[in-house]
PDB file of all heavy atoms in Angstrom:
ATOM      1  N   PHE A   1     -67.174-146.523 -26.050  1.00  0.00           N
ATOM      2  CA  PHE A   1     -67.208-146.383 -24.605  1.00  0.00           C
ATOM      3  C   PHE A   1     -68.256-147.154 -23.941  1.00  0.00           C
ATOM      4  O   PHE A   1     -68.630-146.852 -22.800  1.00  0.00           O
ATOM      5  CB  PHE A   1     -67.337-144.901 -24.219  1.00  0.00           C
ATOM      6  CG  PHE A   1     -66.203-143.941 -24.623  1.00  0.00           C
ATOM      7  CD1 PHE A   1     -66.303-142.949 -25.628  1.00  0.00           C
ATOM      8  CD2 PHE A   1     -64.853-144.271 -24.160  1.00  0.00           C
ATOM      9  CE1 PHE A   1     -65.222-142.193 -25.940  1.00  0.00           C
ATOM     10  CE2 PHE A   1     -63.789-143.458 -24.481  1.00  0.00           C
ATOM     11  CZ  PHE A   1     -63.989-142.410 -25.396  1.00  0.00           C
ATOM     12  N   PHE A   2     -68.741-148.229 -24.633  1.00  0.00           N
ATOM     13  CA  PHE A   2     -69.827-149.057 -24.025  1.00  0.00           C
ATOM     14  C   PHE A   2     -69.345-149.639 -22.791  1.00  0.00           C
ATOM     15  O   PHE A   2     -70.046-149.655 -21.716  1.00  0.00           O
ATOM     16  CB  PHE A   2     -70.240-150.122 -24.999  1.00  0.00           C
ATOM     17  CG  PHE A   2     -71.201-151.116 -24.425  1.00  0.00           C
ATOM     18  CD1 PHE A   2     -72.542-150.787 -24.305  1.00  0.00           C
ATOM     19  CD2 PHE A   2     -70.690-152.349 -23.978  1.00  0.00           C
ATOM     20  CE1 PHE A   2     -73.436-151.707 -23.707  1.00  0.00           C
ATOM     21  CE2 PHE A   2     -71.663-153.251 -23.433  1.00  0.00           C
ATOM     22  CZ  PHE A   2     -72.991-152.974 -23.314  1.00  0.00           C
ATOM     23  N   ALA A   3     -68.141-150.240 -22.762  1.00  0.00           N
ATOM     24  CA  ALA A   3     -67.690-151.019 -21.576  1.00  0.00           C
ATOM     25  C   ALA A   3     -67.097-150.065 -20.523  1.00  0.00           C
ATOM     26  O   ALA A   3     -67.295-150.251 -19.312  1.00  0.00           O
ATOM     27  CB  ALA A   3     -66.752-152.050 -21.929  1.00  0.00           C
ATOM     28  N   THR A   4     -66.391-149.023 -20.957  1.00  0.00           N
ATOM     29  CA  THR A   4     -65.625-148.178 -19.983  1.00  0.00           C
ATOM     30  C   THR A   4     -66.355-146.975 -19.550  1.00  0.00           C
ATOM     31  O   THR A   4     -66.068-146.522 -18.434  1.00  0.00           O
ATOM     32  CB  THR A   4     -64.303-147.759 -20.623  1.00  0.00           C
ATOM     33  OG1 THR A   4     -64.584-146.910 -21.759  1.00  0.00           O
ATOM     34  CG2 THR A   4     -63.475-148.986 -21.069  1.00  0.00           C
ATOM     35  N   GLY A   5     -67.278-146.440 -20.333  1.00  0.00           N
ATOM     36  CA  GLY A   5     -67.797-145.094 -20.056  1.00  0.00           C
ATOM     37  C   GLY A   5     -66.692-144.076 -20.433  1.00  0.00           C
ATOM     38  O   GLY A   5     -65.618-144.392 -20.898  1.00  0.00           O
ATOM     39  N   LEU A   6     -66.999-142.840 -20.231  1.00  0.00           N
ATOM     40  CA  LEU A   6     -66.055-141.718 -20.557  1.00  0.00           C
ATOM     41  C   LEU A   6     -65.018-141.511 -19.490  1.00  0.00           C
ATOM     42  O   LEU A   6     -65.219-141.947 -18.319  1.00  0.00           O
ATOM     43  CB  LEU A   6     -66.804-140.427 -20.701  1.00  0.00           C
ATOM     44  CG  LEU A   6     -67.894-140.371 -21.854  1.00  0.00           C
ATOM     45  CD1 LEU A   6     -68.749-139.182 -21.783  1.00  0.00           C
ATOM     46  CD2 LEU A   6     -67.197-140.453 -23.207  1.00  0.00           C
ATOM     47  N   PRO A   7     -63.850-141.030 -19.816  1.00  0.00           N
ATOM     48  CA  PRO A   7     -62.801-140.788 -18.811  1.00  0.00           C
ATOM     49  C   PRO A   7     -63.222-139.738 -17.828  1.00  0.00           C
ATOM     50  O   PRO A   7     -63.810-138.718 -18.167  1.00  0.00           O
ATOM     51  CB  PRO A   7     -61.619-140.320 -19.655  1.00  0.00           C
ATOM     52  CG  PRO A   7     -62.198-139.714 -20.857  1.00  0.00           C
ATOM     53  CD  PRO A   7     -63.404-140.526 -21.118  1.00  0.00           C
ATOM     54  N   ILE A   8     -63.016-139.969 -16.538  1.00  0.00           N
ATOM     55  CA  ILE A   8     -63.359-139.045 -15.435  1.00  0.00           C
ATOM     56  C   ILE A   8     -62.147-138.562 -14.648  1.00  0.00           C
ATOM     57  O   ILE A   8     -62.244-137.778 -13.770  1.00  0.00           O
ATOM     58  CB  ILE A   8     -64.483-139.543 -14.487  1.00  0.00           C
ATOM     59  CG1 ILE A   8     -64.046-140.885 -13.890  1.00  0.00           C
ATOM     60  CG2 ILE A   8     -65.742-139.680 -15.317  1.00  0.00           C
ATOM     61  CD1 ILE A   8     -65.097-141.338 -12.866  1.00  0.00           C
ATOM     62  N   THR A   9     -60.925-139.206 -14.945  1.00  0.00           N
ATOM     63  CA  THR A   9     -59.687-138.724 -14.336  1.00  0.00           C
ATOM     64  C   THR A   9     -58.610-138.640 -15.453  1.00  0.00           C
ATOM     65  O   THR A   9     -58.843-139.182 -16.589  1.00  0.00           O
ATOM     66  CB  THR A   9     -59.221-139.706 -13.276  1.00  0.00           C
ATOM     67  OG1 THR A   9     -58.645-140.874 -13.876  1.00  0.00           O
ATOM     68  CG2 THR A   9     -60.309-140.097 -12.305  1.00  0.00           C
ATOM     69  N   GLU A  10     -57.505-138.020 -15.077  1.00  0.00           N
ATOM     70  CA  GLU A  10     -56.359-138.106 -15.921  1.00  0.00           C
ATOM     71  C   GLU A  10     -55.637-139.370 -15.729  1.00  0.00           C
ATOM     72  O   GLU A  10     -55.904-140.070 -14.663  1.00  0.00           O
ATOM     73  CB  GLU A  10     -55.467-136.874 -15.607  1.00  0.00           C
ATOM     74  CG  GLU A  10     -56.073-135.524 -15.978  1.00  0.00           C
ATOM     75  CD  GLU A  10     -56.330-135.487 -17.430  1.00  0.00           C
ATOM     76  OE1 GLU A  10     -55.368-135.548 -18.251  1.00  0.00           O
ATOM     77  OE2 GLU A  10     -57.590-135.307 -17.863  1.00  0.00           O
ATOM     78  N   PRO A  11     -54.736-139.794 -16.636  1.00  0.00           N
ATOM     79  CA  PRO A  11     -53.869-140.893 -16.391  1.00  0.00           C
ATOM     80  C   PRO A  11     -52.723-140.526 -15.469  1.00  0.00           C
ATOM     81  O   PRO A  11     -52.082-139.489 -15.696  1.00  0.00           O
ATOM     82  CB  PRO A  11     -53.396-141.323 -17.790  1.00  0.00           C
ATOM     83  CG  PRO A  11     -53.488-140.025 -18.601  1.00  0.00           C
ATOM     84  CD  PRO A  11     -54.611-139.217 -17.974  1.00  0.00           C
ATOM     85  N   TYR A  12     -52.448-141.440 -14.524  1.00  0.00           N
ATOM     86  CA  TYR A  12     -51.364-141.162 -13.504  1.00  0.00           C
ATOM     87  C   TYR A  12     -50.565-142.438 -13.359  1.00  0.00           C
ATOM     88  O   TYR A  12     -51.061-143.565 -13.356  1.00  0.00           O
ATOM     89  CB  TYR A  12     -51.892-140.787 -12.193  1.00  0.00           C
ATOM     90  CG  TYR A  12     -52.799-139.514 -12.104  1.00  0.00           C
ATOM     91  CD1 TYR A  12     -54.149-139.580 -12.252  1.00  0.00           C
ATOM     92  CD2 TYR A  12     -52.174-138.279 -11.954  1.00  0.00           C
ATOM     93  CE1 TYR A  12     -54.908-138.423 -12.214  1.00  0.00           C
ATOM     94  CE2 TYR A  12     -52.954-137.155 -11.892  1.00  0.00           C
ATOM     95  CZ  TYR A  12     -54.309-137.213 -12.004  1.00  0.00           C
ATOM     96  OH  TYR A  12     -55.016-136.077 -11.962  1.00  0.00           O
ATOM     97  N   TRP A  13     -49.238-142.209 -13.240  1.00  0.00           N
ATOM     98  CA  TRP A  13     -48.390-143.353 -12.775  1.00  0.00           C
ATOM     99  C   TRP A  13     -48.597-143.508 -11.213  1.00  0.00           C
ATOM    100  O   TRP A  13     -48.912-142.508 -10.562  1.00  0.00           O
ATOM    101  CB  TRP A  13     -46.935-143.083 -13.037  1.00  0.00           C
ATOM    102  CG  TRP A  13     -46.615-143.212 -14.552  1.00  0.00           C
ATOM    103  CD1 TRP A  13     -46.477-142.113 -15.413  1.00  0.00           C
ATOM    104  CD2 TRP A  13     -46.377-144.386 -15.260  1.00  0.00           C
ATOM    105  NE1 TRP A  13     -46.132-142.618 -16.621  1.00  0.00           N
ATOM    106  CE2 TRP A  13     -46.117-144.055 -16.616  1.00  0.00           C
ATOM    107  CE3 TRP A  13     -46.356-145.698 -14.961  1.00  0.00           C
ATOM    108  CZ2 TRP A  13     -45.847-144.930 -17.603  1.00  0.00           C
ATOM    109  CZ3 TRP A  13     -46.050-146.673 -15.883  1.00  0.00           C
ATOM    110  CH2 TRP A  13     -45.832-146.248 -17.187  1.00  0.00           C
ATOM    111  N   ALA A  14     -48.418-144.740 -10.757  1.00  0.00           N
ATOM    112  CA  ALA A  14     -48.578-144.983  -9.331  1.00  0.00           C
ATOM    113  C   ALA A  14     -47.624-146.202  -9.038  1.00  0.00           C
ATOM    114  O   ALA A  14     -47.329-147.020  -9.884  1.00  0.00           O
ATOM    115  CB  ALA A  14     -49.935-145.319  -8.890  1.00  0.00           C
ATOM    116  N   THR A  15     -47.143-146.242  -7.771  1.00  0.00           N
ATOM    117  CA  THR A  15     -46.406-147.370  -7.290  1.00  0.00           C
ATOM    118  C   THR A  15     -47.426-148.262  -6.626  1.00  0.00           C
ATOM    119  O   THR A  15     -48.043-147.985  -5.676  1.00  0.00           O
ATOM    120  CB  THR A  15     -45.363-146.938  -6.243  1.00  0.00           C
ATOM    121  OG1 THR A  15     -44.463-145.964  -6.843  1.00  0.00           O
ATOM    122  CG2 THR A  15     -44.527-148.155  -5.792  1.00  0.00           C
ATOM    123  N   VAL A  16     -47.600-149.411  -7.301  1.00  0.00           N
ATOM    124  CA  VAL A  16     -48.676-150.396  -6.944  1.00  0.00           C
ATOM    125  C   VAL A  16     -48.035-151.772  -6.497  1.00  0.00           C
ATOM    126  O   VAL A  16     -47.170-152.208  -7.223  1.00  0.00           O
ATOM    127  CB  VAL A  16     -49.653-150.554  -8.084  1.00  0.00           C
ATOM    128  CG1 VAL A  16     -50.706-151.619  -7.792  1.00  0.00           C
ATOM    129  CG2 VAL A  16     -50.339-149.221  -8.392  1.00  0.00           C
ATOM    130  N   LYS A  17     -48.621-152.302  -5.440  1.00  0.00           N
ATOM    131  CA  LYS A  17     -48.147-153.685  -5.059  1.00  0.00           C
ATOM    132  C   LYS A  17     -48.921-154.683  -5.815  1.00  0.00           C
ATOM    133  O   LYS A  17     -50.229-154.768  -5.722  1.00  0.00           O
ATOM    134  CB  LYS A  17     -48.415-153.837  -3.565  1.00  0.00           C
ATOM    135  CG  LYS A  17     -47.940-155.180  -2.987  1.00  0.00           C
ATOM    136  CD  LYS A  17     -48.307-155.291  -1.506  1.00  0.00           C
ATOM    137  CE  LYS A  17     -47.888-156.629  -0.923  1.00  0.00           C
ATOM    138  NZ  LYS A  17     -48.239-156.743   0.466  1.00  0.00           N
ATOM    139  N   VAL A  18     -48.254-155.480  -6.642  1.00  0.00           N
ATOM    140  CA  VAL A  18     -48.857-156.492  -7.509  1.00  0.00           C
ATOM    141  C   VAL A  18     -48.248-157.840  -7.234  1.00  0.00           C
ATOM    142  O   VAL A  18     -47.001-157.962  -7.417  1.00  0.00           O
ATOM    143  CB  VAL A  18     -48.746-156.126  -8.999  1.00  0.00           C
ATOM    144  CG1 VAL A  18     -49.421-157.204  -9.849  1.00  0.00           C
ATOM    145  CG2 VAL A  18     -49.314-154.787  -9.298  1.00  0.00           C
ATOM    146  N   ALA A  19     -49.020-158.762  -6.697  1.00  0.00           N
ATOM    147  CA  ALA A  19     -48.535-160.100  -6.450  1.00  0.00           C
ATOM    148  C   ALA A  19     -47.309-160.031  -5.451  1.00  0.00           C
ATOM    149  O   ALA A  19     -46.330-160.713  -5.576  1.00  0.00           O
ATOM    150  CB  ALA A  19     -48.187-160.916  -7.609  1.00  0.00           C
ATOM    151  N   GLY A  20     -47.443-159.032  -4.461  1.00  0.00           N
ATOM    152  CA  GLY A  20     -46.366-158.934  -3.449  1.00  0.00           C
ATOM    153  C   GLY A  20     -45.203-158.087  -3.881  1.00  0.00           C
ATOM    154  O   GLY A  20     -44.310-157.779  -3.041  1.00  0.00           O
ATOM    155  N   GLU A  21     -45.135-157.605  -5.128  1.00  0.00           N
ATOM    156  CA  GLU A  21     -44.015-156.767  -5.605  1.00  0.00           C
ATOM    157  C   GLU A  21     -44.592-155.382  -6.003  1.00  0.00           C
ATOM    158  O   GLU A  21     -45.657-155.255  -6.538  1.00  0.00           O
ATOM    159  CB  GLU A  21     -43.398-157.449  -6.808  1.00  0.00           C
ATOM    160  CG  GLU A  21     -42.741-158.793  -6.555  1.00  0.00           C
ATOM    161  CD  GLU A  21     -42.069-159.340  -7.803  1.00  0.00           C
ATOM    162  OE1 GLU A  21     -42.072-158.693  -8.891  1.00  0.00           O
ATOM    163  OE2 GLU A  21     -41.520-160.488  -7.746  1.00  0.00           O
ATOM    164  N   PHE A  22     -43.744-154.376  -5.719  1.00  0.00           N
ATOM    165  CA  PHE A  22     -44.127-152.980  -6.034  1.00  0.00           C
ATOM    166  C   PHE A  22     -43.598-152.647  -7.507  1.00  0.00           C
ATOM    167  O   PHE A  22     -42.485-152.874  -7.796  1.00  0.00           O
ATOM    168  CB  PHE A  22     -43.486-152.076  -5.063  1.00  0.00           C
ATOM    169  CG  PHE A  22     -44.155-152.149  -3.699  1.00  0.00           C
ATOM    170  CD1 PHE A  22     -43.639-152.936  -2.719  1.00  0.00           C
ATOM    171  CD2 PHE A  22     -45.324-151.407  -3.397  1.00  0.00           C
ATOM    172  CE1 PHE A  22     -44.203-153.059  -1.475  1.00  0.00           C
ATOM    173  CE2 PHE A  22     -45.934-151.487  -2.198  1.00  0.00           C
ATOM    174  CZ  PHE A  22     -45.413-152.359  -1.215  1.00  0.00           C
ATOM    175  N   ARG A  23     -44.604-152.168  -8.283  1.00  0.00           N
ATOM    176  CA  ARG A  23     -44.258-151.860  -9.697  1.00  0.00           C
ATOM    177  C   ARG A  23     -44.840-150.507 -10.013  1.00  0.00           C
ATOM    178  O   ARG A  23     -45.743-150.001  -9.408  1.00  0.00           O
ATOM    179  CB  ARG A  23     -44.952-152.866 -10.610  1.00  0.00           C
ATOM    180  CG  ARG A  23     -44.572-154.344 -10.260  1.00  0.00           C
ATOM    181  CD  ARG A  23     -45.326-155.266 -11.248  1.00  0.00           C
ATOM    182  NE  ARG A  23     -45.109-156.679 -10.921  1.00  0.00           N
ATOM    183  CZ  ARG A  23     -45.678-157.709 -11.611  1.00  0.00           C
ATOM    184  NH1 ARG A  23     -46.415-157.385 -12.675  1.00  0.00           N
ATOM    185  NH2 ARG A  23     -45.403-158.989 -11.201  1.00  0.00           N
ATOM    186  N   ASP A  24     -44.308-149.950 -11.143  1.00  0.00           N
ATOM    187  CA  ASP A  24     -44.863-148.733 -11.760  1.00  0.00           C
ATOM    188  C   ASP A  24     -46.033-149.147 -12.624  1.00  0.00           C
ATOM    189  O   ASP A  24     -45.820-149.874 -13.523  1.00  0.00           O
ATOM    190  CB  ASP A  24     -43.798-147.974 -12.520  1.00  0.00           C
ATOM    191  CG  ASP A  24     -42.854-147.245 -11.657  1.00  0.00           C
ATOM    192  OD1 ASP A  24     -43.225-146.791 -10.565  1.00  0.00           O
ATOM    193  OD2 ASP A  24     -41.636-147.102 -12.053  1.00  0.00           O
ATOM    194  N   VAL A  25     -47.196-148.561 -12.351  1.00  0.00           N
ATOM    195  CA  VAL A  25     -48.337-148.929 -13.105  1.00  0.00           C
ATOM    196  C   VAL A  25     -49.060-147.610 -13.512  1.00  0.00           C
ATOM    197  O   VAL A  25     -49.232-146.732 -12.670  1.00  0.00           O
ATOM    198  CB  VAL A  25     -49.382-149.812 -12.321  1.00  0.00           C
ATOM    199  CG1 VAL A  25     -50.618-150.102 -13.046  1.00  0.00           C
ATOM    200  CG2 VAL A  25     -48.731-151.146 -12.006  1.00  0.00           C
ATOM    201  N   LEU A  26     -49.497-147.477 -14.684  1.00  0.00           N
ATOM    202  CA  LEU A  26     -50.239-146.313 -15.169  1.00  0.00           C
ATOM    203  C   LEU A  26     -51.690-146.651 -14.966  1.00  0.00           C
ATOM    204  O   LEU A  26     -52.219-147.753 -15.366  1.00  0.00           O
ATOM    205  CB  LEU A  26     -50.002-146.028 -16.648  1.00  0.00           C
ATOM    206  CG  LEU A  26     -50.624-144.756 -17.209  1.00  0.00           C
ATOM    207  CD1 LEU A  26     -49.875-143.525 -16.701  1.00  0.00           C
ATOM    208  CD2 LEU A  26     -50.609-144.748 -18.769  1.00  0.00           C
ATOM    209  N   VAL A  27     -52.394-145.723 -14.275  1.00  0.00           N
ATOM    210  CA  VAL A  27     -53.849-145.947 -13.957  1.00  0.00           C
ATOM    211  C   VAL A  27     -54.651-144.784 -14.403  1.00  0.00           C
ATOM    212  O   VAL A  27     -54.258-143.602 -14.288  1.00  0.00           O
ATOM    213  CB  VAL A  27     -53.957-146.029 -12.429  1.00  0.00           C
ATOM    214  CG1 VAL A  27     -55.445-146.196 -12.064  1.00  0.00           C
ATOM    215  CG2 VAL A  27     -53.128-147.129 -11.800  1.00  0.00           C
ATOM    216  N   GLN A  28     -55.789-145.107 -15.031  1.00  0.00           N
ATOM    217  CA  GLN A  28     -56.818-144.094 -15.418  1.00  0.00           C
ATOM    218  C   GLN A  28     -58.161-144.589 -15.262  1.00  0.00           C
ATOM    219  O   GLN A  28     -58.458-145.777 -15.620  1.00  0.00           O
ATOM    220  CB  GLN A  28     -56.591-143.693 -16.945  1.00  0.00           C
ATOM    221  CG  GLN A  28     -57.644-142.556 -17.310  1.00  0.00           C
ATOM    222  CD  GLN A  28     -57.279-141.936 -18.660  1.00  0.00           C
ATOM    223  OE1 GLN A  28     -56.491-142.415 -19.399  1.00  0.00           O
ATOM    224  NE2 GLN A  28     -57.956-140.714 -18.876  1.00  0.00           N
ATOM    225  N   CYS A  29     -59.020-143.805 -14.626  1.00  0.00           N
ATOM    226  CA  CYS A  29     -60.443-144.197 -14.358  1.00  0.00           C
ATOM    227  C   CYS A  29     -61.411-143.587 -15.323  1.00  0.00           C
ATOM    228  O   CYS A  29     -61.337-142.395 -15.605  1.00  0.00           O
ATOM    229  CB  CYS A  29     -60.755-143.907 -12.908  1.00  0.00           C
ATOM    230  SG  CYS A  29     -59.941-144.921 -11.678  1.00  0.00           S
ATOM    231  N   PHE A  30     -62.322-144.437 -15.745  1.00  0.00           N
ATOM    232  CA  PHE A  30     -63.428-144.023 -16.607  1.00  0.00           C
ATOM    233  C   PHE A  30     -64.702-144.202 -15.749  1.00  0.00           C
ATOM    234  O   PHE A  30     -64.650-144.702 -14.626  1.00  0.00           O
ATOM    235  CB  PHE A  30     -63.447-144.890 -17.823  1.00  0.00           C
ATOM    236  CG  PHE A  30     -62.302-144.688 -18.731  1.00  0.00           C
ATOM    237  CD1 PHE A  30     -61.014-145.138 -18.337  1.00  0.00           C
ATOM    238  CD2 PHE A  30     -62.432-144.078 -19.980  1.00  0.00           C
ATOM    239  CE1 PHE A  30     -60.006-144.959 -19.214  1.00  0.00           C
ATOM    240  CE2 PHE A  30     -61.397-143.966 -20.861  1.00  0.00           C
ATOM    241  CZ  PHE A  30     -60.113-144.334 -20.460  1.00  0.00           C
TER     242      PHE A  30
END
């Protein structure tokens, strides 16, 4: 976990705009 640190949220899917297009992206924050 040197680079990321420990997880502080759960993983969630989200609808994210990427390069102008909306996509399903799984996001989790450490």
